[in-house]
C-alpha atoms as a PDB file:
ATOM      1  CA  MET A   1      99.630 -52.298-276.983  1.00  0.00           C
ATOM      2  CA  ALA A   2      98.565 -49.382-274.890  1.00  0.00           C
ATOM      3  CA  GLY A   3      98.864 -49.977-271.169  1.00  0.00           C
ATOM      4  CA  SER A   4      96.028 -49.371-268.719  1.00  0.00           C
ATOM      5  CA  THR A   5      96.009 -45.869-267.300  1.00  0.00           C
ATOM      6  CA  ASP A   6      94.627 -47.103-263.949  1.00  0.00           C
ATOM      7  CA  ARG A   7      97.179 -47.592-261.258  1.00  0.00           C
ATOM      8  CA  PRO A   8      96.778 -50.446-258.754  1.00  0.00           C
ATOM      9  CA  GLY A   9      94.210 -49.439-256.177  1.00  0.00           C
ATOM     10  CA  GLY A  10      92.965 -46.550-258.313  1.00  0.00           C
ATOM     11  CA  ALA A  11      89.334 -47.596-258.094  1.00  0.00           C
ATOM     12  CA  GLY A  12      89.563 -47.799-254.320  1.00  0.00           C
ATOM     13  CA  ARG A  13      91.065 -44.324-254.149  1.00  0.00           C
ATOM     14  CA  ARG A  14      88.260 -42.959-256.292  1.00  0.00           C
ATOM     15  CA  ARG A  15      85.677 -44.474-253.968  1.00  0.00           C
ATOM     16  CA  ALA A  16      87.397 -43.253-250.806  1.00  0.00           C
ATOM     17  CA  PRO A  17      85.950 -39.707-250.840  1.00  0.00           C
ATOM     18  CA  ALA A  18      82.400 -41.004-251.300  1.00  0.00           C
ATOM     19  CA  LEU A  19      82.826 -43.544-248.503  1.00  0.00           C
ATOM     20  CA  ALA A  20      84.334 -40.932-246.185  1.00  0.00           C
ATOM     21  CA  ALA A  21      81.522 -38.489-246.909  1.00  0.00           C
ATOM     22  CA  ALA A  22      78.851 -41.112-246.335  1.00  0.00           C
ATOM     23  CA  GLY A  23      80.455 -42.213-243.088  1.00  0.00           C
ATOM     24  CA  ALA A  24      80.738 -38.640-241.798  1.00  0.00           C
ATOM     25  CA  PHE A  25      77.144 -37.847-242.772  1.00  0.00           C
ATOM     26  CA  LEU A  26      75.725 -40.925-241.050  1.00  0.00           C
ATOM     27  CA  ALA A  27      77.859 -40.509-237.934  1.00  0.00           C
ATOM     28  CA  VAL A  28      76.949 -36.853-237.391  1.00  0.00           C
ATOM     29  CA  LEU A  29      73.285 -37.350-238.239  1.00  0.00           C
ATOM     30  CA  ALA A  30      72.953 -40.370-235.946  1.00  0.00           C
ATOM     31  CA  GLY A  31      74.637 -38.495-233.108  1.00  0.00           C
ATOM     32  CA  VAL A  32      72.414 -35.432-233.460  1.00  0.00           C
ATOM     33  CA  LEU A  33      69.197 -37.432-233.790  1.00  0.00           C
ATOM     34  CA  GLY A  34      70.114 -39.544-230.788  1.00  0.00           C
ATOM     35  CA  ALA A  35      70.848 -36.478-228.674  1.00  0.00           C
ATOM     36  CA  VAL A  36      67.619 -34.760-229.720  1.00  0.00           C
ATOM     37  CA  GLN A  37      65.557 -37.856-228.991  1.00  0.00           C
ATOM     38  CA  ALA A  38      67.150 -38.198-225.546  1.00  0.00           C
ATOM     39  CA  MET A  39      66.164 -34.663-224.531  1.00  0.00           C
ATOM     40  CA  PRO A  40      63.288 -34.669-222.020  1.00  0.00           C
ATOM     41  CA  THR A  41      60.045 -33.220-223.341  1.00  0.00           C
ATOM     42  CA  ARG A  42      58.652 -30.187-221.533  1.00  0.00           C
ATOM     43  CA  TYR A  43      55.560 -28.117-222.243  1.00  0.00           C
ATOM     44  CA  ALA A  44      55.357 -24.324-222.197  1.00  0.00           C
ATOM     45  CA  ALA A  45      51.866 -23.056-221.300  1.00  0.00           C
ATOM     46  CA  THR A  46      51.169 -19.325-221.610  1.00  0.00           C
ATOM     47  CA  SER A  47      48.380 -17.289-220.031  1.00  0.00           C
ATOM     48  CA  VAL A  48      47.837 -13.583-220.760  1.00  0.00           C
ATOM     49  CA  VAL A  49      46.473 -10.920-218.415  1.00  0.00           C
ATOM     50  CA  SER A  50      45.545  -7.524-219.880  1.00  0.00           C
ATOM     51  CA  PHE A  51      45.700  -4.398-217.712  1.00  0.00           C
ATOM     52  CA  VAL A  52      43.742  -1.283-218.688  1.00  0.00           C
ATOM     53  CA  PRO A  53      43.137   2.052-216.927  1.00  0.00           C
ATOM     54  CA  ARG A  54      40.096   2.179-214.682  1.00  0.00           C
ATOM     55  CA  PRO A  55      37.319   4.441-216.001  1.00  0.00           C
ATOM     56  CA  GLU A  56      37.708   6.830-213.065  1.00  0.00           C
ATOM     57  CA  SER A  57      41.523   6.765-213.273  1.00  0.00           C
ATOM     58  CA  PRO A  58      43.561   9.434-215.112  1.00  0.00           C
ATOM     59  CA  ALA A  59      46.215   6.807-215.914  1.00  0.00           C
ATOM     60  CA  ALA A  60      47.684   7.115-219.407  1.00  0.00           C
ATOM     61  CA  ALA A  61      49.229   4.420-221.563  1.00  0.00           C
ATOM     62  CA  ASP A  62      52.681   5.148-220.134  1.00  0.00           C
ATOM     63  CA  THR A  63      51.310   4.694-216.640  1.00  0.00           C
ATOM     64  CA  VAL A  64      49.793   1.332-217.593  1.00  0.00           C
ATOM     65  CA  GLN A  65      53.215   0.246-218.805  1.00  0.00           C
ATOM     66  CA  LEU A  66      54.835   1.267-215.535  1.00  0.00           C
ATOM     67  CA  VAL A  67      52.137  -0.432-213.464  1.00  0.00           C
ATOM     68  CA  GLY A  68      52.410  -3.498-215.697  1.00  0.00           C
ATOM     69  CA  GLU A  69      56.029  -3.927-214.652  1.00  0.00           C
ATOM     70  CA  LYS A  70      54.814  -4.283-211.066  1.00  0.00           C
ATOM     71  CA  TYR A  71      52.620  -7.217-212.098  1.00  0.00           C
ATOM     72  CA  VAL A  72      55.512  -8.835-213.972  1.00  0.00           C
ATOM     73  CA  VAL A  73      57.426  -8.917-210.697  1.00  0.00           C
ATOM     74  CA  LEU A  74      54.340 -10.109-208.824  1.00  0.00           C
ATOM     75  CA  ALA A  75      53.875 -13.026-211.256  1.00  0.00           C
ATOM     76  CA  THR A  76      57.107 -14.628-210.073  1.00  0.00           C
ATOM     77  CA  SER A  77      56.774 -13.659-206.418  1.00  0.00           C
ATOM     78  CA  PRO A  78      56.846 -16.393-203.743  1.00  0.00           C
ATOM     79  CA  ALA A  79      53.200 -15.745-202.836  1.00  0.00           C
ATOM     80  CA  ALA A  80      51.949 -16.186-206.412  1.00  0.00           C
ATOM     81  CA  LEU A  81      54.091 -19.260-206.987  1.00  0.00           C
ATOM     82  CA  ARG A  82      52.952 -20.859-203.751  1.00  0.00           C
ATOM     83  CA  VAL A  83      49.295 -20.573-204.782  1.00  0.00           C
ATOM     84  CA  ALA A  84      50.089 -21.775-208.312  1.00  0.00           C
ATOM     85  CA  GLY A  85      52.103 -24.667-206.931  1.00  0.00           C
ATOM     86  CA  GLU A  86      49.151 -25.845-204.882  1.00  0.00           C
ATOM     87  CA  ALA A  87      46.879 -25.741-207.950  1.00  0.00           C
ATOM     88  CA  ALA A  88      49.376 -27.563-210.143  1.00  0.00           C
ATOM     89  CA  GLY A  89      50.705 -29.985-207.550  1.00  0.00           C
ATOM     90  CA  THR A  90      54.223 -28.618-208.099  1.00  0.00           C
ATOM     91  CA  PRO A  91      56.690 -27.355-205.477  1.00  0.00           C
ATOM     92  CA  PRO A  92      57.087 -23.551-205.519  1.00  0.00           C
ATOM     93  CA  ASP A  93      60.856 -23.915-205.913  1.00  0.00           C
ATOM     94  CA  ALA A  94      60.344 -25.843-209.144  1.00  0.00           C
ATOM     95  CA  LEU A  95      57.879 -23.235-210.384  1.00  0.00           C
ATOM     96  CA  ALA A  96      60.337 -20.434-209.639  1.00  0.00           C
ATOM     97  CA  GLU A  97      62.679 -21.898-212.257  1.00  0.00           C
ATOM     98  CA  ALA A  98      59.859 -22.784-214.648  1.00  0.00           C
ATOM     99  CA  THR A  99      57.912 -19.489-214.667  1.00  0.00           C
ATOM    100  CA  THR A 100      58.592 -16.341-216.668  1.00  0.00           C
ATOM    101  CA  ALA A 101      56.521 -13.190-217.097  1.00  0.00           C
ATOM    102  CA  VAL A 102      56.888 -10.607-219.857  1.00  0.00           C
ATOM    103  CA  LEU A 103      55.147  -7.274-220.440  1.00  0.00           C
ATOM    104  CA  GLY A 104      54.298  -6.714-224.094  1.00  0.00           C
ATOM    105  CA  ALA A 105      55.991  -3.663-225.602  1.00  0.00           C
ATOM    106  CA  GLY A 106      53.618  -0.705-225.738  1.00  0.00           C
ATOM    107  CA  THR A 107      50.781  -2.692-224.144  1.00  0.00           C
ATOM    108  CA  GLY A 108      49.432  -3.634-220.751  1.00  0.00           C
ATOM    109  CA  ASN A 109      49.503  -7.351-221.580  1.00  0.00           C
ATOM    110  CA  VAL A 110      51.476  -9.579-219.237  1.00  0.00           C
ATOM    111  CA  SER A 111      52.277 -13.046-220.605  1.00  0.00           C
ATOM    112  CA  ILE A 112      52.948 -15.719-217.996  1.00  0.00           C
ATOM    113  CA  THR A 113      54.673 -18.852-219.278  1.00  0.00           C
ATOM    114  CA  VAL A 114      55.197 -21.975-217.201  1.00  0.00           C
ATOM    115  CA  THR A 115      57.339 -24.800-218.604  1.00  0.00           C
ATOM    116  CA  LEU A 116      56.979 -28.219-216.959  1.00  0.00           C
ATOM    117  CA  PRO A 117      57.292 -31.889-217.970  1.00  0.00           C
ATOM    118  CA  ASP A 118      53.519 -32.319-217.544  1.00  0.00           C
ATOM    119  CA  ARG A 119      51.315 -30.382-219.995  1.00  0.00           C
ATOM    120  CA  TYR A 120      48.333 -30.142-217.647  1.00  0.00           C
ATOM    121  CA  ARG A 121      50.355 -29.042-214.632  1.00  0.00           C
ATOM    122  CA  ALA A 122      51.946 -26.309-216.735  1.00  0.00           C
ATOM    123  CA  VAL A 123      48.519 -25.095-217.868  1.00  0.00           C
ATOM    124  CA  ALA A 124      47.137 -25.133-214.319  1.00  0.00           C
ATOM    125  CA  ALA A 125      50.112 -23.226-212.951  1.00  0.00           C
ATOM    126  CA  ALA A 126      50.044 -20.556-215.683  1.00  0.00           C
ATOM    127  CA  ASN A 127      46.318 -19.963-215.212  1.00  0.00           C
ATOM    128  CA  GLU A 128      46.652 -19.798-211.432  1.00  0.00           C
ATOM    129  CA  VAL A 129      49.410 -17.177-211.646  1.00  0.00           C
ATOM    130  CA  ALA A 130      47.215 -15.196-214.032  1.00  0.00           C
ATOM    131  CA  ALA A 131      44.312 -15.458-211.598  1.00  0.00           C
ATOM    132  CA  ALA A 132      46.555 -14.199-208.792  1.00  0.00           C
ATOM    133  CA  LEU A 133      47.398 -11.100-210.856  1.00  0.00           C
ATOM    134  CA  VAL A 134      43.721 -10.437-211.580  1.00  0.00           C
ATOM    135  CA  ARG A 135      42.874 -10.751-207.885  1.00  0.00           C
ATOM    136  CA  SER A 136      45.679  -8.401-206.972  1.00  0.00           C
ATOM    137  CA  SER A 137      44.461  -5.798-209.449  1.00  0.00           C
ATOM    138  CA  THR A 138      41.071  -5.532-207.716  1.00  0.00           C
ATOM    139  CA  GLY A 139      42.685  -3.252-205.157  1.00  0.00           C
ATOM    140  CA  ASP A 140      44.638  -1.232-207.733  1.00  0.00           C
ATOM    141  CA  ARG A 141      43.328   2.331-208.088  1.00  0.00           C
ATOM    142  CA  LEU A 142      44.958   2.868-211.481  1.00  0.00           C
ATOM    143  CA  VAL A 143      44.349  -0.286-213.536  1.00  0.00           C
ATOM    144  CA  SER A 144      42.189  -3.372-213.645  1.00  0.00           C
ATOM    145  CA  GLY A 145      43.288  -6.759-214.916  1.00  0.00           C
ATOM    146  CA  GLU A 146      41.497  -9.428-216.896  1.00  0.00           C
ATOM    147  CA  GLN A 147      42.675 -12.817-218.100  1.00  0.00           C
ATOM    148  CA  THR A 148      42.283 -12.407-221.849  1.00  0.00           C
ATOM    149  CA  GLY A 149      44.269 -15.432-222.979  1.00  0.00           C
ATOM    150  CA  PRO A 150      43.953 -18.456-220.706  1.00  0.00           C
ATOM    151  CA  ALA A 151      46.380 -21.321-221.126  1.00  0.00           C
ATOM    152  CA  VAL A 152      44.885 -24.488-222.587  1.00  0.00           C
ATOM    153  CA  PRO A 153      46.466 -27.935-223.036  1.00  0.00           C
ATOM    154  CA  GLY A 154      46.087 -27.861-226.810  1.00  0.00           C
ATOM    155  CA  THR A 155      48.289 -24.790-227.210  1.00  0.00           C
ATOM    156  CA  ALA A 156      51.025 -25.811-224.761  1.00  0.00           C
ATOM    157  CA  GLU A 157      54.206 -25.763-226.832  1.00  0.00           C
ATOM    158  CA  PRO A 158      56.473 -28.831-226.668  1.00  0.00           C
ATOM    159  CA  LYS A 159      60.095 -28.122-225.826  1.00  0.00           C
ATOM    160  CA  PRO A 160      62.630 -28.526-227.279  1.00  0.00           C
ATOM    161  CA  ALA A 161      61.602 -27.779-230.867  1.00  0.00           C
ATOM    162  CA  ARG A 162      62.710 -31.169-232.177  1.00  0.00           C
ATOM    163  CA  THR A 163      61.848 -30.521-235.828  1.00  0.00           C
ATOM    164  CA  LEU A 164      64.095 -27.455-235.895  1.00  0.00           C
ATOM    165  CA  LEU A 165      66.905 -29.308-234.138  1.00  0.00           C
ATOM    166  CA  ARG A 166      66.643 -32.248-236.544  1.00  0.00           C
ATOM    167  CA  THR A 167      66.853 -29.865-239.510  1.00  0.00           C
ATOM    168  CA  ALA A 168      69.928 -28.216-238.030  1.00  0.00           C
ATOM    169  CA  GLY A 169      71.422 -31.660-237.456  1.00  0.00           C
ATOM    170  CA  ALA A 170      70.876 -32.641-241.088  1.00  0.00           C
ATOM    171  CA  LEU A 171      72.625 -29.462-242.243  1.00  0.00           C
ATOM    172  CA  ALA A 172      75.531 -30.163-239.902  1.00  0.00           C
ATOM    173  CA  ALA A 173      75.767 -33.705-241.272  1.00  0.00           C
ATOM    174  CA  LEU A 174      75.883 -32.386-244.850  1.00  0.00           C
ATOM    175  CA  LEU A 175      78.662 -29.979-243.908  1.00  0.00           C
ATOM    176  CA  ALA A 176      80.620 -32.774-242.248  1.00  0.00           C
ATOM    177  CA  ALA A 177      80.163 -34.935-245.354  1.00  0.00           C
ATOM    178  CA  ALA A 178      81.461 -32.155-247.623  1.00  0.00           C
ATOM    179  CA  LEU A 179      84.549 -31.643-245.444  1.00  0.00           C
ATOM    180  CA  ALA A 180      85.198 -35.381-245.289  1.00  0.00           C
ATOM    181  CA  TRP A 181      84.888 -35.665-249.084  1.00  0.00           C
ATOM    182  CA  ARG A 182      87.360 -32.837-249.608  1.00  0.00           C
ATOM    183  CA  ALA A 183      89.873 -34.249-247.136  1.00  0.00           C
ATOM    184  CA  ALA A 184      89.629 -37.783-248.535  1.00  0.00           C
ATOM    185  CA  ALA A 185      89.914 -36.562-252.118  1.00  0.00           C
ATOM    186  CA  GLY A 186      93.085 -34.691-251.241  1.00  0.00           C
ATOM    187  CA  LEU A 187      94.608 -37.764-249.638  1.00  0.00           C
ATOM    188  CA  ALA A 188      93.619 -39.950-252.606  1.00  0.00           C
ATOM    189  CA  ARG A 189      95.376 -37.645-255.068  1.00  0.00           C
ATOM    190  CA  GLY A 190      98.557 -37.637-253.021  1.00  0.00           C
ATOM    191  CA  PRO A 191     101.123 -34.822-252.831  1.00  0.00           C
ATOM    192  CA  GLY A 192     102.535 -35.453-256.312  1.00  0.00           C
ATOM    193  CA  ALA A 193      99.296 -36.042-258.156  1.00  0.00           C
ATOM    194  CA  ARG A 194      98.650 -34.044-261.346  1.00  0.00           C
ATOM    195  CA  PRO A 195      95.425 -32.115-261.763  1.00  0.00           C
ATOM    196  CA  ALA A 196      92.848 -33.827-263.940  1.00  0.00           C
ATOM    197  CA  GLY A 197      93.419 -33.114-267.651  1.00  0.00           C
ATOM    198  CA  ALA A 198      97.126 -32.230-267.298  1.00  0.00           C
ATOM    199  CA  ALA A 199      99.237 -33.180-270.313  1.00  0.00           C
ATOM    200  CA  VAL A 200     101.668 -36.065-269.986  1.00  0.00           C
ATOM    201  CA  ALA A 201     105.094 -35.334-271.428  1.00  0.00           C
ATOM    202  CA  ALA A 202     106.452 -37.819-273.961  1.00  0.00           C
ATOM    203  CA  PRO A 203     109.535 -39.745-272.800  1.00  0.00           C
END
């Protein structure tokens, strides 16, 4: 009578890689999702001010770019942040860390972004900084500024991007599961195990 080809515990060894992979996947995924959920939500509100040459000014596009850099610096100046802080009910020191200004390449558009835990405070602060730039440009002989893209609550972007982070976490969990499967399968075979399909020599 032919003997069974299964060794004692063979079924358990065959299940070990699947169990290890499942455990690794769930552990990594749960850790990532928990960390993402625990991150505080902040809102990034952006207001845009466009600077153009005055009709009586000989300023060229290159000059507008150079002058625009001055307004980028002004957007994060203590004076601008103090006024914005009063409008948003936020201390200027907090706004200094939460406010960035960028001049668009090849344009006279300055984008002011304020990121705060409160959506409406972020919007108010971004719009007030933009208004400060427009007011400052009234005395500029080369360019004039206009708020062409006011910040609004509906377009304030939530931070962090949780959907992207969750997707990255799922991919990391899959990678961890694959590595766990491979490691467990190697341990289940043992150092002297024959590859599947290898011929067995007759005694």
